[in-house]
C-alpha atoms as a PDB file:
ATOM      1  CA  MET A   1      89.094-219.155 -43.528  1.00  0.00           C
ATOM      2  CA  PRO A   2      89.952-220.131 -47.131  1.00  0.00           C
ATOM      3  CA  THR A   3      88.098-223.175 -48.452  1.00  0.00           C
ATOM      4  CA  ARG A   4      88.860-225.186 -51.545  1.00  0.00           C
ATOM      5  CA  PRO A   5      86.268-224.876 -54.336  1.00  0.00           C
ATOM      6  CA  ASP A   6      84.618-228.268 -54.781  1.00  0.00           C
ATOM      7  CA  PHE A   7      81.681-227.784 -57.140  1.00  0.00           C
ATOM      8  CA  LEU A   8      80.484-225.251 -59.688  1.00  0.00           C
ATOM      9  CA  VAL A   9      77.376-223.312 -58.660  1.00  0.00           C
ATOM     10  CA  GLU A  10      77.028-221.027 -61.676  1.00  0.00           C
ATOM     11  CA  SER A  11      79.010-219.640 -64.582  1.00  0.00           C
ATOM     12  CA  LEU A  12      78.647-216.338 -66.417  1.00  0.00           C
ATOM     13  CA  THR A  13      80.550-215.227 -69.515  1.00  0.00           C
ATOM     14  CA  ILE A  14      80.501-211.466 -70.060  1.00  0.00           C
ATOM     15  CA  GLU A  15      81.355-209.754 -73.328  1.00  0.00           C
ATOM     16  CA  PRO A  16      83.326-206.491 -73.594  1.00  0.00           C
ATOM     17  CA  ASP A  17      81.366-203.262 -73.026  1.00  0.00           C
ATOM     18  CA  SER A  18      78.946-205.275 -70.882  1.00  0.00           C
ATOM     19  CA  GLY A  19      78.336-205.769 -67.187  1.00  0.00           C
ATOM     20  CA  GLY A  20      77.259-208.479 -64.804  1.00  0.00           C
ATOM     21  CA  SER A  21      76.792-209.168 -61.127  1.00  0.00           C
ATOM     22  CA  GLY A  22      76.258-211.902 -58.583  1.00  0.00           C
ATOM     23  CA  VAL A  23      76.045-212.879 -54.934  1.00  0.00           C
ATOM     24  CA  VAL A  24      78.800-214.791 -53.142  1.00  0.00           C
ATOM     25  CA  LYS A  25      78.144-216.285 -49.719  1.00  0.00           C
ATOM     26  CA  LYS A  26      80.824-216.541 -47.052  1.00  0.00           C
ATOM     27  CA  GLY A  27      83.186-219.413 -47.895  1.00  0.00           C
ATOM     28  CA  GLN A  28      82.229-219.550 -51.572  1.00  0.00           C
ATOM     29  CA  THR A  29      84.842-218.794 -54.233  1.00  0.00           C
ATOM     30  CA  LEU A  30      84.552-216.581 -57.287  1.00  0.00           C
ATOM     31  CA  ARG A  31      86.948-217.470 -60.097  1.00  0.00           C
ATOM     32  CA  VAL A  32      87.495-214.806 -62.766  1.00  0.00           C
ATOM     33  CA  THR A  33      89.084-216.214 -65.924  1.00  0.00           C
ATOM     34  CA  ASP A  34      90.640-214.304 -68.800  1.00  0.00           C
ATOM     35  CA  ILE A  35      89.320-216.506 -71.593  1.00  0.00           C
ATOM     36  CA  GLU A  36      91.483-215.299 -74.482  1.00  0.00           C
ATOM     37  CA  GLY A  37      94.139-213.359 -72.569  1.00  0.00           C
ATOM     38  CA  GLN A  38      95.029-209.677 -72.106  1.00  0.00           C
ATOM     39  CA  GLN A  39      91.573-208.518 -70.985  1.00  0.00           C
ATOM     40  CA  VAL A  40      90.760-206.143 -68.121  1.00  0.00           C
ATOM     41  CA  GLY A  41      87.694-206.315 -65.893  1.00  0.00           C
ATOM     42  CA  CYS A  42      86.628-203.469 -63.615  1.00  0.00           C
ATOM     43  CA  PHE A  43      85.432-205.236 -60.463  1.00  0.00           C
ATOM     44  CA  VAL A  44      83.670-203.840 -57.397  1.00  0.00           C
ATOM     45  CA  SER A  45      81.887-205.453 -54.475  1.00  0.00           C
ATOM     46  CA  VAL A  46      79.803-204.483 -51.465  1.00  0.00           C
ATOM     47  CA  THR A  47      78.607-206.419 -48.452  1.00  0.00           C
ATOM     48  CA  GLU A  48      75.188-207.979 -48.833  1.00  0.00           C
ATOM     49  CA  GLU A  49      73.999-206.260 -45.659  1.00  0.00           C
ATOM     50  CA  ASP A  50      75.156-202.733 -46.482  1.00  0.00           C
ATOM     51  CA  PRO A  51      76.185-201.255 -49.870  1.00  0.00           C
ATOM     52  CA  MET A  52      78.086-198.539 -48.002  1.00  0.00           C
ATOM     53  CA  LYS A  53      80.609-201.203 -46.988  1.00  0.00           C
ATOM     54  CA  TYR A  54      82.663-201.757 -50.131  1.00  0.00           C
ATOM     55  CA  THR A  55      86.051-202.915 -51.356  1.00  0.00           C
ATOM     56  CA  ASP A  56      88.673-200.245 -50.775  1.00  0.00           C
ATOM     57  CA  CYS A  57      91.831-200.490 -52.881  1.00  0.00           C
ATOM     58  CA  ILE A  58      93.766-197.901 -50.896  1.00  0.00           C
ATOM     59  CA  TYR A  59      93.050-199.438 -47.501  1.00  0.00           C
ATOM     60  CA  THR A  60      93.916-202.852 -48.956  1.00  0.00           C
ATOM     61  CA  ASN A  61      97.250-201.479 -50.149  1.00  0.00           C
ATOM     62  CA  TRP A  62      97.852-200.094 -46.662  1.00  0.00           C
ATOM     63  CA  ARG A  63      96.960-203.344 -44.910  1.00  0.00           C
ATOM     64  CA  ASN A  64      99.045-205.489 -47.256  1.00  0.00           C
ATOM     65  CA  GLY A  65     101.924-203.012 -47.393  1.00  0.00           C
ATOM     66  CA  ARG A  66     102.093-203.047 -51.206  1.00  0.00           C
ATOM     67  CA  TYR A  67     100.047-202.301 -54.300  1.00  0.00           C
ATOM     68  CA  LYS A  68     100.882-205.620 -55.978  1.00  0.00           C
ATOM     69  CA  TRP A  69      98.461-208.026 -54.324  1.00  0.00           C
ATOM     70  CA  ARG A  70      99.135-211.751 -54.443  1.00  0.00           C
ATOM     71  CA  GLU A  71      97.896-215.156 -53.345  1.00  0.00           C
ATOM     72  CA  GLY A  72      97.405-215.233 -49.577  1.00  0.00           C
ATOM     73  CA  ASP A  73      96.414-211.568 -49.278  1.00  0.00           C
ATOM     74  CA  PHE A  74      93.065-210.259 -48.107  1.00  0.00           C
ATOM     75  CA  VAL A  75      91.072-207.549 -49.871  1.00  0.00           C
ATOM     76  CA  TYR A  76      89.684-205.102 -47.317  1.00  0.00           C
ATOM     77  CA  SER A  77      86.680-202.816 -47.008  1.00  0.00           C
ATOM     78  CA  ASN A  78      86.463-199.081 -46.381  1.00  0.00           C
ATOM     79  CA  HIS A  79      86.195-200.057 -42.697  1.00  0.00           C
ATOM     80  CA  MET A  80      89.370-202.196 -43.009  1.00  0.00           C
ATOM     81  CA  ASN A  81      87.484-205.467 -42.580  1.00  0.00           C
ATOM     82  CA  PRO A  82      88.412-208.457 -44.788  1.00  0.00           C
ATOM     83  CA  LEU A  83      85.995-209.029 -47.663  1.00  0.00           C
ATOM     84  CA  TRP A  84      87.922-211.431 -49.901  1.00  0.00           C
ATOM     85  CA  PHE A  85      90.848-213.828 -49.557  1.00  0.00           C
ATOM     86  CA  ILE A  86      92.988-214.275 -52.673  1.00  0.00           C
ATOM     87  CA  ALA A  87      93.077-218.068 -52.801  1.00  0.00           C
ATOM     88  CA  ASP A  88      94.829-218.394 -56.170  1.00  0.00           C
ATOM     89  CA  ASP A  89      96.198-215.949 -58.713  1.00  0.00           C
ATOM     90  CA  LYS A  90      98.007-217.012 -61.864  1.00  0.00           C
ATOM     91  CA  THR A  91      99.526-213.596 -62.637  1.00  0.00           C
ATOM     92  CA  ALA A  92      99.335-211.488 -59.432  1.00  0.00           C
ATOM     93  CA  ASN A  93      99.165-208.463 -61.697  1.00  0.00           C
ATOM     94  CA  HIS A  94      96.189-206.132 -61.298  1.00  0.00           C
ATOM     95  CA  TYR A  95      95.672-202.386 -61.026  1.00  0.00           C
ATOM     96  CA  THR A  96      94.820-201.537 -57.425  1.00  0.00           C
ATOM     97  CA  GLY A  97      94.732-197.743 -57.509  1.00  0.00           C
ATOM     98  CA  GLY A  98      90.978-197.494 -58.052  1.00  0.00           C
ATOM     99  CA  GLY A  99      89.095-195.721 -60.813  1.00  0.00           C
ATOM    100  CA  PHE A 100      87.551-196.758 -64.111  1.00  0.00           C
ATOM    101  CA  CYS A 101      87.096-195.498 -67.640  1.00  0.00           C
ATOM    102  CA  SER A 102      83.969-193.463 -68.334  1.00  0.00           C
ATOM    103  CA  ARG A 103      81.970-191.696 -71.008  1.00  0.00           C
ATOM    104  CA  ASP A 104      83.947-188.570 -70.104  1.00  0.00           C
ATOM    105  CA  ALA A 105      87.237-190.410 -70.664  1.00  0.00           C
ATOM    106  CA  PHE A 106      86.073-191.800 -74.026  1.00  0.00           C
ATOM    107  CA  GLN A 107      85.059-188.296 -75.122  1.00  0.00           C
ATOM    108  CA  HIS A 108      88.382-186.832 -74.022  1.00  0.00           C
ATOM    109  CA  TYR A 109      90.773-189.491 -75.351  1.00  0.00           C
ATOM    110  CA  CYS A 110      88.862-191.278 -78.123  1.00  0.00           C
ATOM    111  CA  ASP A 111      86.377-188.680 -79.432  1.00  0.00           C
ATOM    112  CA  SER A 112      83.616-191.208 -78.682  1.00  0.00           C
ATOM    113  CA  ASP A 113      80.365-190.900 -76.760  1.00  0.00           C
ATOM    114  CA  GLN A 114      80.202-194.532 -75.697  1.00  0.00           C
ATOM    115  CA  PRO A 115      79.642-195.476 -72.042  1.00  0.00           C
ATOM    116  CA  GLY A 116      82.655-196.571 -70.046  1.00  0.00           C
ATOM    117  CA  CYS A 117      83.066-198.948 -67.135  1.00  0.00           C
ATOM    118  CA  ARG A 118      81.723-196.319 -64.730  1.00  0.00           C
ATOM    119  CA  GLU A 119      78.376-196.111 -66.524  1.00  0.00           C
ATOM    120  CA  ILE A 120      78.172-199.890 -66.955  1.00  0.00           C
ATOM    121  CA  LEU A 121      78.854-200.454 -63.245  1.00  0.00           C
ATOM    122  CA  GLN A 122      76.258-197.836 -62.326  1.00  0.00           C
ATOM    123  CA  SER A 123      73.782-199.724 -64.505  1.00  0.00           C
ATOM    124  CA  GLU A 124      74.500-202.893 -62.501  1.00  0.00           C
ATOM    125  CA  TYR A 125      73.807-200.954 -59.291  1.00  0.00           C
ATOM    126  CA  ARG A 126      70.429-199.909 -60.710  1.00  0.00           C
ATOM    127  CA  LYS A 127      69.563-203.486 -61.740  1.00  0.00           C
ATOM    128  CA  LEU A 128      70.204-204.578 -58.148  1.00  0.00           C
ATOM    129  CA  GLY A 129      68.001-201.818 -56.745  1.00  0.00           C
ATOM    130  CA  MET A 130      70.914-199.783 -55.391  1.00  0.00           C
ATOM    131  CA  ASP A 131      71.613-196.087 -55.824  1.00  0.00           C
ATOM    132  CA  PRO A 132      74.218-195.781 -58.633  1.00  0.00           C
ATOM    133  CA  ASN A 133      75.716-192.793 -56.820  1.00  0.00           C
ATOM    134  CA  LEU A 134      76.984-195.262 -54.196  1.00  0.00           C
ATOM    135  CA  LEU A 135      79.624-196.472 -56.665  1.00  0.00           C
ATOM    136  CA  GLN A 136      83.019-195.421 -55.335  1.00  0.00           C
ATOM    137  CA  SER A 137      86.093-194.948 -57.522  1.00  0.00           C
ATOM    138  CA  VAL A 138      88.328-196.375 -54.788  1.00  0.00           C
ATOM    139  CA  SER A 139      86.291-199.609 -54.747  1.00  0.00           C
ATOM    140  CA  CYS A 140      87.223-200.625 -58.295  1.00  0.00           C
ATOM    141  CA  ILE A 141      89.902-203.273 -58.838  1.00  0.00           C
ATOM    142  CA  GLY A 142      91.302-203.345 -62.379  1.00  0.00           C
ATOM    143  CA  LEU A 143      91.542-207.120 -62.714  1.00  0.00           C
ATOM    144  CA  PHE A 144      94.412-208.116 -65.024  1.00  0.00           C
ATOM    145  CA  MET A 145      95.224-204.457 -65.811  1.00  0.00           C
ATOM    146  CA  ASN A 146      98.965-203.887 -66.191  1.00  0.00           C
ATOM    147  CA  VAL A 147     100.146-200.630 -64.588  1.00  0.00           C
ATOM    148  CA  GLU A 148     103.575-199.701 -63.254  1.00  0.00           C
ATOM    149  CA  TYR A 149     104.618-196.732 -61.149  1.00  0.00           C
ATOM    150  CA  ALA A 150     107.987-195.630 -62.561  1.00  0.00           C
ATOM    151  CA  PRO A 151     110.693-194.191 -60.257  1.00  0.00           C
ATOM    152  CA  SER A 152     110.495-191.029 -62.379  1.00  0.00           C
ATOM    153  CA  GLY A 153     106.902-190.577 -61.255  1.00  0.00           C
ATOM    154  CA  GLU A 154     105.307-191.726 -64.509  1.00  0.00           C
ATOM    155  CA  TRP A 155     102.188-193.900 -64.518  1.00  0.00           C
ATOM    156  CA  LEU A 156     102.813-196.520 -67.210  1.00  0.00           C
ATOM    157  CA  VAL A 157     100.044-198.630 -68.734  1.00  0.00           C
ATOM    158  CA  SER A 158     101.026-201.673 -70.801  1.00  0.00           C
ATOM    159  CA  GLU A 159      99.259-204.655 -72.334  1.00  0.00           C
ATOM    160  CA  PRO A 160      98.065-207.181 -69.730  1.00  0.00           C
ATOM    161  CA  ILE A 161     100.394-210.120 -69.156  1.00  0.00           C
ATOM    162  CA  THR A 162      97.570-212.650 -68.838  1.00  0.00           C
ATOM    163  CA  LYS A 163      97.427-215.610 -71.189  1.00  0.00           C
ATOM    164  CA  SER A 164      94.349-217.548 -72.224  1.00  0.00           C
ATOM    165  CA  GLY A 165      92.947-219.380 -69.197  1.00  0.00           C
ATOM    166  CA  ASP A 166      94.719-217.364 -66.496  1.00  0.00           C
ATOM    167  CA  TYR A 167      92.506-216.594 -63.514  1.00  0.00           C
ATOM    168  CA  ILE A 168      92.195-215.208 -60.016  1.00  0.00           C
ATOM    169  CA  GLU A 169      90.209-216.954 -57.263  1.00  0.00           C
ATOM    170  CA  LEU A 170      88.574-214.839 -54.565  1.00  0.00           C
ATOM    171  CA  CYS A 171      87.132-216.557 -51.498  1.00  0.00           C
ATOM    172  CA  ALA A 172      84.439-214.531 -49.727  1.00  0.00           C
ATOM    173  CA  ALA A 173      85.134-213.653 -46.085  1.00  0.00           C
ATOM    174  CA  THR A 174      81.525-212.483 -45.696  1.00  0.00           C
ATOM    175  CA  ASN A 175      78.356-212.388 -47.806  1.00  0.00           C
ATOM    176  CA  LEU A 176      79.040-210.147 -50.799  1.00  0.00           C
ATOM    177  CA  ILE A 177      77.495-208.695 -53.936  1.00  0.00           C
ATOM    178  CA  TRP A 178      79.911-208.229 -56.826  1.00  0.00           C
ATOM    179  CA  MET A 179      79.541-206.183 -59.982  1.00  0.00           C
ATOM    180  CA  THR A 180      81.766-205.950 -63.019  1.00  0.00           C
ATOM    181  CA  SER A 181      82.276-204.221 -66.328  1.00  0.00           C
ATOM    182  CA  VAL A 182      84.362-206.008 -68.947  1.00  0.00           C
ATOM    183  CA  CYS A 183      86.391-203.090 -70.253  1.00  0.00           C
ATOM    184  CA  GLY A 184      85.945-202.004 -73.862  1.00  0.00           C
ATOM    185  CA  TRP A 185      88.830-199.530 -74.013  1.00  0.00           C
ATOM    186  CA  PRO A 186      90.941-199.753 -77.205  1.00  0.00           C
ATOM    187  CA  LYS A 187      94.200-201.687 -77.483  1.00  0.00           C
ATOM    188  CA  VAL A 188      97.082-201.587 -75.041  1.00  0.00           C
ATOM    189  CA  ILE A 189      94.680-201.574 -72.070  1.00  0.00           C
ATOM    190  CA  ASN A 190      93.076-204.760 -73.445  1.00  0.00           C
ATOM    191  CA  GLY A 191      95.752-206.130 -75.752  1.00  0.00           C
ATOM    192  CA  GLU A 192      94.895-206.028 -79.450  1.00  0.00           C
ATOM    193  CA  LYS A 193      91.137-205.985 -78.856  1.00  0.00           C
ATOM    194  CA  PRO A 194      88.644-206.399 -75.988  1.00  0.00           C
ATOM    195  CA  THR A 195      87.525-209.990 -75.320  1.00  0.00           C
ATOM    196  CA  PRO A 196      85.199-211.754 -72.808  1.00  0.00           C
ATOM    197  CA  LEU A 197      85.796-212.753 -69.201  1.00  0.00           C
ATOM    198  CA  ARG A 198      84.222-215.718 -67.379  1.00  0.00           C
ATOM    199  CA  PHE A 199      82.948-215.556 -63.791  1.00  0.00           C
ATOM    200  CA  GLU A 200      82.431-218.894 -62.015  1.00  0.00           C
ATOM    201  CA  LEU A 201      80.993-219.343 -58.544  1.00  0.00           C
ATOM    202  CA  TYR A 202      82.194-222.396 -56.612  1.00  0.00           C
ATOM    203  CA  GLY A 203      80.908-223.917 -53.404  1.00  0.00           C
ATOM    204  CA  SER A 204      82.738-226.085 -50.901  1.00  0.00           C
ATOM    205  CA  THR A 205      81.722-229.163 -48.937  1.00  0.00           C
ATOM    206  CA  ARG A 206      84.320-228.452 -46.230  1.00  0.00           C
END
């Protein structure tokens, strides 16, 4: 089902601590580019027909047999149906355990009352006329986030390995709505400082 992106339909650059969304039709490709390098984007999607059908990181890990997704893998829904095909991926390094930062996390770790990716994603749900309580932790892919599970049982977060211009291309297996929050968490999670991400929608003539 993968098609090669032939022409640019639209492009959206999103700053840190901000959100965005879009619609991707079956066969179209969404390219997410780390413009400056070492930036994380919290990314969720639902089917256009039913927001209760959403990306499921855990089921995707089960279906692919690993938590390190790579080019050629599918991303699956909570009903184990394919939603995306990973057509290209320059780093193959993302956090696929679900979850997102939040106002609660900022208060606990940073003594700050700022909204996190959870609140920003919920705001995108509202803008699209969807109930923000439909947002599921398990649906969130930490694009470009660098996490390792150590044999000792530790959960180790390091700076992203992405360089300027690295990207992932996701080809839609069905009609989808995507939402994102460009993470504003302090350094290590996002390198030295948070920076923008670019989201480009491509169509195909094939």
